[in-house]
C-alpha cells in the first residue's frame, strides 16, 4: 500500500518548491550575459585607458628619473605604447655629457616594465629589446637602492658603424661582434662601475691603423676575444687575443676609466708574435714596431690614452 503524502507535501508549498528548482536548473544551463558584458566593458575600458594616457610625458618622466645625475643624456625621436606594459622608442641617442660626439645610436628600442612603475613614472626594473649598428640588443636593468644593474647582450654588431667615434678618422675597423655586459653602478661616474665584460669579434679587418705615426697595412683576424673585469673605475683586461695563421696578438693589464671615455689611461702588456711566412702586410706592420734585440721576446708596453695610445 503506497503511503499518502502529508499535508505539508501537498498544495501550494510543493508547487512552489518544484517551480523554484526548475527555475534554478534553467538558469544554471543558460549563459549569464550580464557577467560577460561586465567583463567585456572592463576590458575595453582598460585598453582605451592604456592607449589614451599621455605616453610621451610618462616616457620622458621615467627616462628623466632613471638618468637623474648620470653623466649621459638620452633623447629619442618618437615613442609609442607597446601594449600592455611598455614603450617602443625610435631614434634613441645616448651621449656622454663631456663627449657628445661619442654618442650611441639605437634605431629601435622596446622597454617593458611593471605596470605600477610605468603609471607612476618611476620604474624600478625593465627589460630591453632593440636593434643597434646592424645587430640586436636584449637585456634587463634594475634599480637596487642607490645603485643600478644591467645585464645585456649585444649580438652581431657591425664594428665599422659602432666604432666610428672611437677609431681615428683615417683608420677603419670592420667585422662583426658580440658583447655581454654584467655591470652595476650608481650611474653617476665611471668609477662606480663593477662587473664583467666579454666580447668576441669575427672576421676583424683593420686598415690604416697608425703605429708609431705610420699607417699599418690591412690586417685581418678571423677571431678576436676579450674578457675583462670592471672594479672601481679600473678595467682589468684578463685576456684579449687576436689570432690568425699569420700572427698571434695577446694583451693583459689595466685601463683606468676616465670621463670622457677616450681619456681613459692605458697600462697594458702586449705580446705580438708574427709567424714566419706571414703575408707582406703583417711583415710591414712588424717593421713598424719598436725594435727588440735578437732573441728578445716580442713583448711591448702600451701607455697613453684610448685617444692616443703609445707603444714601447
C-alpha atoms as a PDB file:
ATOM      1  CA  UNK A   1       0.000   0.000   0.000  1.00  0.00           C
ATOM      2  CA  UNK A   2       1.553   3.355  -1.102  1.00  0.00           C
ATOM      3  CA  UNK A   3       1.706   5.921   1.705  1.00  0.00           C
ATOM      4  CA  UNK A   4      -0.196   9.116   1.064  1.00  0.00           C
ATOM      5  CA  UNK A   5       1.780  12.416   1.091  1.00  0.00           C
ATOM      6  CA  UNK A   6       1.418  14.522   4.185  1.00  0.00           C
ATOM      7  CA  UNK A   7      -0.365  17.807   4.178  1.00  0.00           C
ATOM      8  CA  UNK A   8       2.910  19.730   4.092  1.00  0.00           C
ATOM      9  CA  UNK A   9       3.906  17.929   0.885  1.00  0.00           C
ATOM     10  CA  UNK A  10       0.651  18.766  -0.845  1.00  0.00           C
ATOM     11  CA  UNK A  11      -0.805  22.010  -2.033  1.00  0.00           C
ATOM     12  CA  UNK A  12       0.929  25.341  -2.737  1.00  0.00           C
ATOM     13  CA  UNK A  13       4.167  24.525  -0.834  1.00  0.00           C
ATOM     14  CA  UNK A  14       5.035  21.581  -3.045  1.00  0.00           C
ATOM     15  CA  UNK A  15       4.276  23.501  -6.221  1.00  0.00           C
ATOM     16  CA  UNK A  16       6.454  26.443  -5.123  1.00  0.00           C
ATOM     17  CA  UNK A  17       9.439  24.226  -4.386  1.00  0.00           C
ATOM     18  CA  UNK A  18       9.116  22.463  -7.720  1.00  0.00           C
ATOM     19  CA  UNK A  19       8.926  25.769  -9.613  1.00  0.00           C
ATOM     20  CA  UNK A  20      11.976  27.134  -7.777  1.00  0.00           C
ATOM     21  CA  UNK A  21      14.036  24.036  -8.566  1.00  0.00           C
ATOM     22  CA  UNK A  22      13.047  24.195 -12.233  1.00  0.00           C
ATOM     23  CA  UNK A  23      13.962  27.892 -12.492  1.00  0.00           C
ATOM     24  CA  UNK A  24      17.345  27.306 -10.841  1.00  0.00           C
ATOM     25  CA  UNK A  25      18.143  24.460 -13.238  1.00  0.00           C
ATOM     26  CA  UNK A  26      17.245  26.557 -16.286  1.00  0.00           C
ATOM     27  CA  UNK A  27      19.318  29.488 -15.029  1.00  0.00           C
ATOM     28  CA  UNK A  28      22.303  27.226 -14.474  1.00  0.00           C
ATOM     29  CA  UNK A  29      22.044  25.927 -18.042  1.00  0.00           C
ATOM     30  CA  UNK A  30      21.732  29.371 -19.627  1.00  0.00           C
ATOM     31  CA  UNK A  31      24.676  31.748 -20.207  1.00  0.00           C
ATOM     32  CA  UNK A  32      24.862  34.752 -17.950  1.00  0.00           C
ATOM     33  CA  UNK A  33      25.087  37.686 -20.365  1.00  0.00           C
ATOM     34  CA  UNK A  34      25.361  40.314 -17.632  1.00  0.00           C
ATOM     35  CA  UNK A  35      28.664  38.885 -16.381  1.00  0.00           C
ATOM     36  CA  UNK A  36      30.011  38.673 -19.932  1.00  0.00           C
ATOM     37  CA  UNK A  37      29.016  42.255 -20.675  1.00  0.00           C
ATOM     38  CA  UNK A  38      30.722  43.421 -17.478  1.00  0.00           C
ATOM     39  CA  UNK A  39      33.978  41.650 -18.343  1.00  0.00           C
ATOM     40  CA  UNK A  40      33.920  42.962 -21.924  1.00  0.00           C
ATOM     41  CA  UNK A  41      33.220  46.521 -20.767  1.00  0.00           C
ATOM     42  CA  UNK A  42      36.028  46.385 -18.212  1.00  0.00           C
ATOM     43  CA  UNK A  43      38.469  45.073 -20.845  1.00  0.00           C
ATOM     44  CA  UNK A  44      37.521  47.818 -23.324  1.00  0.00           C
ATOM     45  CA  UNK A  45      37.906  50.446 -20.616  1.00  0.00           C
ATOM     46  CA  UNK A  46      41.378  49.237 -19.607  1.00  0.00           C
ATOM     47  CA  UNK A  47      42.582  49.080 -23.226  1.00  0.00           C
ATOM     48  CA  UNK A  48      41.154  52.505 -24.031  1.00  0.00           C
ATOM     49  CA  UNK A  49      42.726  53.968 -20.909  1.00  0.00           C
ATOM     50  CA  UNK A  50      46.086  52.425 -21.761  1.00  0.00           C
ATOM     51  CA  UNK A  51      46.078  53.885 -25.285  1.00  0.00           C
ATOM     52  CA  UNK A  52      44.827  57.353 -24.311  1.00  0.00           C
ATOM     53  CA  UNK A  53      47.278  58.061 -21.498  1.00  0.00           C
ATOM     54  CA  UNK A  54      49.879  60.805 -22.177  1.00  0.00           C
ATOM     55  CA  UNK A  55      52.545  58.267 -23.054  1.00  0.00           C
ATOM     56  CA  UNK A  56      55.053  60.817 -24.305  1.00  0.00           C
ATOM     57  CA  UNK A  57      55.010  62.594 -20.943  1.00  0.00           C
ATOM     58  CA  UNK A  58      55.122  59.330 -18.988  1.00  0.00           C
ATOM     59  CA  UNK A  59      58.088  58.052 -21.017  1.00  0.00           C
ATOM     60  CA  UNK A  60      60.027  61.298 -20.650  1.00  0.00           C
ATOM     61  CA  UNK A  61      59.335  61.384 -16.902  1.00  0.00           C
ATOM     62  CA  UNK A  62      60.507  57.794 -16.458  1.00  0.00           C
ATOM     63  CA  UNK A  63      63.618  58.471 -18.552  1.00  0.00           C
ATOM     64  CA  UNK A  64      64.462  61.592 -16.549  1.00  0.00           C
ATOM     65  CA  UNK A  65      64.046  59.665 -13.289  1.00  0.00           C
ATOM     66  CA  UNK A  66      66.203  56.776 -14.443  1.00  0.00           C
ATOM     67  CA  UNK A  67      69.045  59.020 -15.674  1.00  0.00           C
ATOM     68  CA  UNK A  68      68.938  61.597 -12.877  1.00  0.00           C
ATOM     69  CA  UNK A  69      72.520  62.566 -12.051  1.00  0.00           C
ATOM     70  CA  UNK A  70      74.021  60.286 -14.712  1.00  0.00           C
ATOM     71  CA  UNK A  71      76.898  61.600 -16.867  1.00  0.00           C
ATOM     72  CA  UNK A  72      74.889  60.931 -20.037  1.00  0.00           C
ATOM     73  CA  UNK A  73      71.907  62.443 -21.803  1.00  0.00           C
ATOM     74  CA  UNK A  74      69.335  60.342 -23.665  1.00  0.00           C
ATOM     75  CA  UNK A  75      66.995  61.585 -26.372  1.00  0.00           C
ATOM     76  CA  UNK A  76      64.586  59.945 -28.805  1.00  0.00           C
ATOM     77  CA  UNK A  77      62.710  60.946 -31.930  1.00  0.00           C
ATOM     78  CA  UNK A  78      59.397  59.214 -31.244  1.00  0.00           C
ATOM     79  CA  UNK A  79      57.738  56.894 -28.739  1.00  0.00           C
ATOM     80  CA  UNK A  80      54.680  54.649 -28.984  1.00  0.00           C
ATOM     81  CA  UNK A  81      52.814  52.476 -26.500  1.00  0.00           C
ATOM     82  CA  UNK A  82      53.784  48.779 -26.582  1.00  0.00           C
ATOM     83  CA  UNK A  83      50.727  47.064 -25.077  1.00  0.00           C
ATOM     84  CA  UNK A  84      50.360  46.200 -22.265  1.00  0.00           C
ATOM     85  CA  UNK A  85      53.326  47.495 -20.261  1.00  0.00           C
ATOM     86  CA  UNK A  86      55.980  49.145 -22.360  1.00  0.00           C
ATOM     87  CA  UNK A  87      57.121  51.727 -24.858  1.00  0.00           C
ATOM     88  CA  UNK A  88      58.686  51.413 -28.278  1.00  0.00           C
ATOM     89  CA  UNK A  89      61.243  54.164 -28.901  1.00  0.00           C
ATOM     90  CA  UNK A  90      62.727  55.130 -32.256  1.00  0.00           C
ATOM     91  CA  UNK A  91      65.821  57.205 -32.923  1.00  0.00           C
ATOM     92  CA  UNK A  92      67.328  56.781 -29.449  1.00  0.00           C
ATOM     93  CA  UNK A  93      70.606  58.615 -28.850  1.00  0.00           C
ATOM     94  CA  UNK A  94      72.685  58.237 -25.669  1.00  0.00           C
ATOM     95  CA  UNK A  95      75.604  60.659 -25.391  1.00  0.00           C
ATOM     96  CA  UNK A  96      78.172  61.371 -22.634  1.00  0.00           C
ATOM     97  CA  UNK A  97      77.789  64.910 -21.348  1.00  0.00           C
ATOM     98  CA  UNK A  98      81.504  65.600 -21.823  1.00  0.00           C
ATOM     99  CA  UNK A  99      81.862  63.793 -25.155  1.00  0.00           C
ATOM    100  CA  UNK A 100      78.676  64.257 -27.186  1.00  0.00           C
ATOM    101  CA  UNK A 101      80.416  63.106 -30.371  1.00  0.00           C
ATOM    102  CA  UNK A 102      80.815  59.614 -28.874  1.00  0.00           C
ATOM    103  CA  UNK A 103      77.065  59.018 -28.771  1.00  0.00           C
ATOM    104  CA  UNK A 104      75.462  55.578 -29.050  1.00  0.00           C
ATOM    105  CA  UNK A 105      72.627  55.344 -31.588  1.00  0.00           C
ATOM    106  CA  UNK A 106      69.808  52.816 -31.222  1.00  0.00           C
ATOM    107  CA  UNK A 107      67.272  52.956 -34.091  1.00  0.00           C
ATOM    108  CA  UNK A 108      64.609  50.914 -32.259  1.00  0.00           C
ATOM    109  CA  UNK A 109      64.280  50.081 -28.568  1.00  0.00           C
ATOM    110  CA  UNK A 110      61.352  48.490 -26.725  1.00  0.00           C
ATOM    111  CA  UNK A 111      61.310  48.927 -22.938  1.00  0.00           C
ATOM    112  CA  UNK A 112      58.888  46.942 -20.792  1.00  0.00           C
ATOM    113  CA  UNK A 113      58.393  47.478 -17.075  1.00  0.00           C
ATOM    114  CA  UNK A 114      55.828  46.513 -14.381  1.00  0.00           C
ATOM    115  CA  UNK A 115      52.576  48.429 -14.873  1.00  0.00           C
ATOM    116  CA  UNK A 116      52.629  50.095 -11.446  1.00  0.00           C
ATOM    117  CA  UNK A 117      56.047  51.633 -12.038  1.00  0.00           C
ATOM    118  CA  UNK A 118      55.020  52.642 -15.543  1.00  0.00           C
ATOM    119  CA  UNK A 119      51.935  54.520 -14.365  1.00  0.00           C
ATOM    120  CA  UNK A 120      53.809  56.231 -11.534  1.00  0.00           C
ATOM    121  CA  UNK A 121      56.637  57.259 -13.861  1.00  0.00           C
ATOM    122  CA  UNK A 122      59.283  55.682 -11.597  1.00  0.00           C
ATOM    123  CA  UNK A 123      60.024  52.138 -12.807  1.00  0.00           C
ATOM    124  CA  UNK A 124      62.429  50.034 -10.755  1.00  0.00           C
ATOM    125  CA  UNK A 125      63.128  47.370 -13.371  1.00  0.00           C
ATOM    126  CA  UNK A 126      62.736  46.884 -17.102  1.00  0.00           C
ATOM    127  CA  UNK A 127      63.515  44.535 -19.970  1.00  0.00           C
ATOM    128  CA  UNK A 128      65.110  45.824 -23.175  1.00  0.00           C
ATOM    129  CA  UNK A 129      64.898  44.661 -26.773  1.00  0.00           C
ATOM    130  CA  UNK A 130      66.033  46.535 -29.848  1.00  0.00           C
ATOM    131  CA  UNK A 131      68.454  46.977 -32.727  1.00  0.00           C
ATOM    132  CA  UNK A 132      71.817  48.733 -32.838  1.00  0.00           C
ATOM    133  CA  UNK A 133      74.511  49.044 -35.525  1.00  0.00           C
ATOM    134  CA  UNK A 134      73.053  46.258 -37.613  1.00  0.00           C
ATOM    135  CA  UNK A 135      72.770  43.892 -34.629  1.00  0.00           C
ATOM    136  CA  UNK A 136      70.320  43.147 -31.841  1.00  0.00           C
ATOM    137  CA  UNK A 137      70.136  44.291 -28.230  1.00  0.00           C
ATOM    138  CA  UNK A 138      68.498  42.442 -25.331  1.00  0.00           C
ATOM    139  CA  UNK A 139      68.808  42.828 -21.584  1.00  0.00           C
ATOM    140  CA  UNK A 140      67.439  43.721 -18.182  1.00  0.00           C
ATOM    141  CA  UNK A 141      68.011  46.758 -15.987  1.00  0.00           C
ATOM    142  CA  UNK A 142      67.047  47.288 -12.366  1.00  0.00           C
ATOM    143  CA  UNK A 143      67.486  49.762  -9.517  1.00  0.00           C
ATOM    144  CA  UNK A 144      68.722  48.420  -6.192  1.00  0.00           C
ATOM    145  CA  UNK A 145      68.697  51.236  -3.714  1.00  0.00           C
ATOM    146  CA  UNK A 146      71.114  53.896  -4.937  1.00  0.00           C
ATOM    147  CA  UNK A 147      72.728  51.535  -7.453  1.00  0.00           C
ATOM    148  CA  UNK A 148      71.557  50.188 -10.761  1.00  0.00           C
ATOM    149  CA  UNK A 149      72.352  46.959 -12.583  1.00  0.00           C
ATOM    150  CA  UNK A 150      72.355  45.990 -16.247  1.00  0.00           C
ATOM    151  CA  UNK A 151      72.666  42.570 -17.842  1.00  0.00           C
ATOM    152  CA  UNK A 152      72.750  42.972 -21.600  1.00  0.00           C
ATOM    153  CA  UNK A 153      73.741  41.101 -24.735  1.00  0.00           C
ATOM    154  CA  UNK A 154      74.554  42.869 -27.989  1.00  0.00           C
ATOM    155  CA  UNK A 155      74.765  40.423 -30.885  1.00  0.00           C
ATOM    156  CA  UNK A 156      76.139  40.645 -34.428  1.00  0.00           C
ATOM    157  CA  UNK A 157      77.105  44.324 -34.260  1.00  0.00           C
ATOM    158  CA  UNK A 158      78.754  45.946 -37.293  1.00  0.00           C
ATOM    159  CA  UNK A 159      82.049  47.252 -35.876  1.00  0.00           C
ATOM    160  CA  UNK A 160      82.632  49.706 -38.735  1.00  0.00           C
ATOM    161  CA  UNK A 161      79.476  51.557 -37.664  1.00  0.00           C
ATOM    162  CA  UNK A 162      79.821  51.085 -33.905  1.00  0.00           C
ATOM    163  CA  UNK A 163      83.444  52.288 -33.586  1.00  0.00           C
ATOM    164  CA  UNK A 164      83.203  55.391 -35.771  1.00  0.00           C
ATOM    165  CA  UNK A 165      83.505  57.729 -32.770  1.00  0.00           C
ATOM    166  CA  UNK A 166      86.423  55.820 -31.201  1.00  0.00           C
ATOM    167  CA  UNK A 167      88.675  54.872 -34.119  1.00  0.00           C
ATOM    168  CA  UNK A 168      90.897  57.676 -35.536  1.00  0.00           C
ATOM    169  CA  UNK A 169      89.423  59.146 -38.735  1.00  0.00           C
ATOM    170  CA  UNK A 170      91.994  57.627 -41.104  1.00  0.00           C
ATOM    171  CA  UNK A 171      91.657  54.131 -39.660  1.00  0.00           C
ATOM    172  CA  UNK A 172      88.893  51.614 -40.196  1.00  0.00           C
ATOM    173  CA  UNK A 173      87.981  48.551 -38.169  1.00  0.00           C
ATOM    174  CA  UNK A 174      85.380  46.230 -39.705  1.00  0.00           C
ATOM    175  CA  UNK A 175      83.828  42.922 -38.690  1.00  0.00           C
ATOM    176  CA  UNK A 176      81.007  41.587 -36.563  1.00  0.00           C
ATOM    177  CA  UNK A 177      80.992  41.334 -32.762  1.00  0.00           C
ATOM    178  CA  UNK A 178      79.007  40.026 -29.800  1.00  0.00           C
ATOM    179  CA  UNK A 179      79.206  41.727 -26.387  1.00  0.00           C
ATOM    180  CA  UNK A 180      77.972  40.643 -22.945  1.00  0.00           C
ATOM    181  CA  UNK A 181      77.704  43.192 -20.120  1.00  0.00           C
ATOM    182  CA  UNK A 182      77.018  42.492 -16.447  1.00  0.00           C
ATOM    183  CA  UNK A 183      77.509  45.799 -14.630  1.00  0.00           C
ATOM    184  CA  UNK A 184      76.377  47.638 -11.514  1.00  0.00           C
ATOM    185  CA  UNK A 185      76.963  51.262 -10.510  1.00  0.00           C
ATOM    186  CA  UNK A 186      75.388  54.414  -9.171  1.00  0.00           C
ATOM    187  CA  UNK A 187      75.005  55.793 -12.707  1.00  0.00           C
ATOM    188  CA  UNK A 188      76.867  58.985 -11.850  1.00  0.00           C
ATOM    189  CA  UNK A 189      80.534  58.189 -12.505  1.00  0.00           C
ATOM    190  CA  UNK A 190      82.563  55.563 -14.344  1.00  0.00           C
ATOM    191  CA  UNK A 191      84.480  54.962 -11.110  1.00  0.00           C
ATOM    192  CA  UNK A 192      81.379  53.375  -9.534  1.00  0.00           C
ATOM    193  CA  UNK A 193      81.161  50.570 -12.123  1.00  0.00           C
ATOM    194  CA  UNK A 194      81.647  46.939 -11.145  1.00  0.00           C
ATOM    195  CA  UNK A 195      81.070  43.771 -13.144  1.00  0.00           C
ATOM    196  CA  UNK A 196      82.293  41.866 -16.174  1.00  0.00           C
ATOM    197  CA  UNK A 197      82.606  42.471 -19.911  1.00  0.00           C
ATOM    198  CA  UNK A 198      83.011  39.790 -22.571  1.00  0.00           C
ATOM    199  CA  UNK A 199      83.336  40.307 -26.303  1.00  0.00           C
ATOM    200  CA  UNK A 200      84.061  38.227 -29.388  1.00  0.00           C
ATOM    201  CA  UNK A 201      84.642  39.515 -32.916  1.00  0.00           C
ATOM    202  CA  UNK A 202      84.576  37.646 -36.211  1.00  0.00           C
ATOM    203  CA  UNK A 203      86.386  38.471 -39.447  1.00  0.00           C
ATOM    204  CA  UNK A 204      88.096  41.521 -37.971  1.00  0.00           C
ATOM    205  CA  UNK A 205      89.578  43.748 -40.668  1.00  0.00           C
ATOM    206  CA  UNK A 206      91.936  46.566 -39.606  1.00  0.00           C
ATOM    207  CA  UNK A 207      93.031  49.207 -42.111  1.00  0.00           C
ATOM    208  CA  UNK A 208      95.169  52.354 -41.878  1.00  0.00           C
ATOM    209  CA  UNK A 209      95.720  51.973 -38.136  1.00  0.00           C
ATOM    210  CA  UNK A 210      98.624  54.179 -37.033  1.00  0.00           C
ATOM    211  CA  UNK A 211     101.623  52.504 -35.385  1.00  0.00           C
ATOM    212  CA  UNK A 212     104.253  54.983 -34.122  1.00  0.00           C
ATOM    213  CA  UNK A 213     102.878  57.569 -36.506  1.00  0.00           C
ATOM    214  CA  UNK A 214     102.880  55.292 -39.554  1.00  0.00           C
ATOM    215  CA  UNK A 215      99.776  53.787 -41.110  1.00  0.00           C
ATOM    216  CA  UNK A 216      99.912  49.998 -40.913  1.00  0.00           C
ATOM    217  CA  UNK A 217      98.708  47.980 -43.927  1.00  0.00           C
ATOM    218  CA  UNK A 218      95.498  45.974 -43.932  1.00  0.00           C
ATOM    219  CA  UNK A 219      95.430  43.284 -41.229  1.00  0.00           C
ATOM    220  CA  UNK A 220      92.833  40.533 -40.911  1.00  0.00           C
ATOM    221  CA  UNK A 221      91.964  38.321 -37.930  1.00  0.00           C
ATOM    222  CA  UNK A 222      89.292  35.603 -38.144  1.00  0.00           C
ATOM    223  CA  UNK A 223      88.695  35.649 -34.384  1.00  0.00           C
ATOM    224  CA  UNK A 224      89.214  38.137 -31.551  1.00  0.00           C
ATOM    225  CA  UNK A 225      88.177  37.615 -27.909  1.00  0.00           C
ATOM    226  CA  UNK A 226      88.133  39.823 -24.814  1.00  0.00           C
ATOM    227  CA  UNK A 227      87.385  39.076 -21.153  1.00  0.00           C
ATOM    228  CA  UNK A 228      87.617  41.900 -18.601  1.00  0.00           C
ATOM    229  CA  UNK A 229      86.633  42.740 -15.039  1.00  0.00           C
ATOM    230  CA  UNK A 230      85.417  46.203 -14.060  1.00  0.00           C
ATOM    231  CA  UNK A 231      86.162  47.256 -10.483  1.00  0.00           C
ATOM    232  CA  UNK A 232      86.158  50.750  -9.042  1.00  0.00           C
ATOM    233  CA  UNK A 233      86.887  52.610 -12.256  1.00  0.00           C
ATOM    234  CA  UNK A 234      89.510  50.122 -13.390  1.00  0.00           C
ATOM    235  CA  UNK A 235      89.024  47.818 -16.377  1.00  0.00           C
ATOM    236  CA  UNK A 236      91.192  44.780 -15.716  1.00  0.00           C
ATOM    237  CA  UNK A 237      91.896  43.051 -19.027  1.00  0.00           C
ATOM    238  CA  UNK A 238      92.175  39.390 -18.118  1.00  0.00           C
ATOM    239  CA  UNK A 239      92.591  38.236 -21.681  1.00  0.00           C
ATOM    240  CA  UNK A 240      92.477  39.895 -25.077  1.00  0.00           C
ATOM    241  CA  UNK A 241      93.581  37.894 -28.075  1.00  0.00           C
ATOM    242  CA  UNK A 242      93.550  38.262 -31.840  1.00  0.00           C
ATOM    243  CA  UNK A 243      94.611  35.110 -33.673  1.00  0.00           C
ATOM    244  CA  UNK A 244      95.239  34.234 -37.303  1.00  0.00           C
ATOM    245  CA  UNK A 245      97.532  31.996 -39.339  1.00  0.00           C
ATOM    246  CA  UNK A 246      99.929  34.933 -39.717  1.00  0.00           C
ATOM    247  CA  UNK A 247     100.057  36.402 -36.202  1.00  0.00           C
ATOM    248  CA  UNK A 248      99.044  35.978 -32.594  1.00  0.00           C
ATOM    249  CA  UNK A 249      98.410  39.124 -30.544  1.00  0.00           C
ATOM    250  CA  UNK A 250      97.593  38.994 -26.825  1.00  0.00           C
ATOM    251  CA  UNK A 251      97.157  41.680 -24.167  1.00  0.00           C
ATOM    252  CA  UNK A 252      96.666  41.895 -20.405  1.00  0.00           C
ATOM    253  CA  UNK A 253      96.723  44.791 -17.968  1.00  0.00           C
ATOM    254  CA  UNK A 254      94.591  47.703 -16.808  1.00  0.00           C
ATOM    255  CA  UNK A 255      92.642  50.595 -18.241  1.00  0.00           C
ATOM    256  CA  UNK A 256      91.876  53.416 -15.799  1.00  0.00           C
ATOM    257  CA  UNK A 257      88.434  54.621 -16.810  1.00  0.00           C
ATOM    258  CA  UNK A 258      88.004  58.361 -17.224  1.00  0.00           C
ATOM    259  CA  UNK A 259      85.204  60.659 -18.286  1.00  0.00           C
ATOM    260  CA  UNK A 260      85.158  61.140 -21.237  1.00  0.00           C
ATOM    261  CA  UNK A 261      85.944  57.527 -22.049  1.00  0.00           C
ATOM    262  CA  UNK A 262      88.528  58.371 -24.720  1.00  0.00           C
ATOM    263  CA  UNK A 263      90.737  59.879 -21.991  1.00  0.00           C
ATOM    264  CA  UNK A 264      90.964  56.536 -20.150  1.00  0.00           C
ATOM    265  CA  UNK A 265      94.587  55.703 -19.281  1.00  0.00           C
ATOM    266  CA  UNK A 266      96.210  52.562 -20.711  1.00  0.00           C
ATOM    267  CA  UNK A 267      98.623  50.285 -18.858  1.00  0.00           C
ATOM    268  CA  UNK A 268      98.773  47.111 -20.956  1.00  0.00           C
ATOM    269  CA  UNK A 269     101.271  44.355 -21.639  1.00  0.00           C
ATOM    270  CA  UNK A 270     101.140  43.433 -25.312  1.00  0.00           C
ATOM    271  CA  UNK A 271     102.636  40.351 -26.966  1.00  0.00           C
ATOM    272  CA  UNK A 272     102.879  40.375 -30.768  1.00  0.00           C
ATOM    273  CA  UNK A 273     104.101  37.221 -32.444  1.00  0.00           C
ATOM    274  CA  UNK A 274     104.415  37.496 -36.237  1.00  0.00           C
ATOM    275  CA  UNK A 275     104.871  33.985 -37.581  1.00  0.00           C
ATOM    276  CA  UNK A 276     107.464  33.088 -40.240  1.00  0.00           C
ATOM    277  CA  UNK A 277     105.966  33.184 -43.693  1.00  0.00           C
ATOM    278  CA  UNK A 278     103.335  35.761 -42.716  1.00  0.00           C
ATOM    279  CA  UNK A 279     101.832  37.768 -45.622  1.00  0.00           C
ATOM    280  CA  UNK A 280     103.567  41.061 -46.537  1.00  0.00           C
ATOM    281  CA  UNK A 281     101.074  43.310 -44.651  1.00  0.00           C
ATOM    282  CA  UNK A 282     101.961  41.614 -41.358  1.00  0.00           C
ATOM    283  CA  UNK A 283     105.705  41.825 -42.029  1.00  0.00           C
ATOM    284  CA  UNK A 284     105.386  45.542 -42.833  1.00  0.00           C
ATOM    285  CA  UNK A 285     103.421  46.071 -39.601  1.00  0.00           C
ATOM    286  CA  UNK A 286     106.088  44.184 -37.637  1.00  0.00           C
ATOM    287  CA  UNK A 287     108.764  46.509 -39.066  1.00  0.00           C
ATOM    288  CA  UNK A 288     106.922  49.492 -37.560  1.00  0.00           C
ATOM    289  CA  UNK A 289     107.048  48.031 -34.047  1.00  0.00           C
ATOM    290  CA  UNK A 290     109.745  49.118 -31.545  1.00  0.00           C
ATOM    291  CA  UNK A 291     112.934  47.173 -32.162  1.00  0.00           C
ATOM    292  CA  UNK A 292     113.859  44.202 -29.986  1.00  0.00           C
ATOM    293  CA  UNK A 293     117.255  42.590 -29.568  1.00  0.00           C
ATOM    294  CA  UNK A 294     117.842  39.236 -31.208  1.00  0.00           C
ATOM    295  CA  UNK A 295     116.195  36.524 -29.157  1.00  0.00           C
ATOM    296  CA  UNK A 296     114.226  39.027 -27.038  1.00  0.00           C
ATOM    297  CA  UNK A 297     110.546  38.192 -26.613  1.00  0.00           C
ATOM    298  CA  UNK A 298     108.155  40.400 -28.628  1.00  0.00           C
ATOM    299  CA  UNK A 299     106.584  41.989 -25.537  1.00  0.00           C
ATOM    300  CA  UNK A 300     105.573  45.664 -25.562  1.00  0.00           C
ATOM    301  CA  UNK A 301     104.097  48.169 -23.135  1.00  0.00           C
ATOM    302  CA  UNK A 302     101.072  50.217 -24.146  1.00  0.00           C
ATOM    303  CA  UNK A 303     100.550  53.524 -22.328  1.00  0.00           C
ATOM    304  CA  UNK A 304      98.878  56.832 -23.084  1.00  0.00           C
ATOM    305  CA  UNK A 305      95.117  57.056 -23.540  1.00  0.00           C
ATOM    306  CA  UNK A 306      92.495  55.449 -25.724  1.00  0.00           C
ATOM    307  CA  UNK A 307      92.568  58.564 -27.876  1.00  0.00           C
ATOM    308  CA  UNK A 308      96.377  58.498 -28.121  1.00  0.00           C
ATOM    309  CA  UNK A 309      97.991  55.133 -27.289  1.00  0.00           C
ATOM    310  CA  UNK A 310     101.792  54.884 -27.068  1.00  0.00           C
ATOM    311  CA  UNK A 311     103.643  51.642 -27.822  1.00  0.00           C
ATOM    312  CA  UNK A 312     107.082  50.998 -26.307  1.00  0.00           C
END
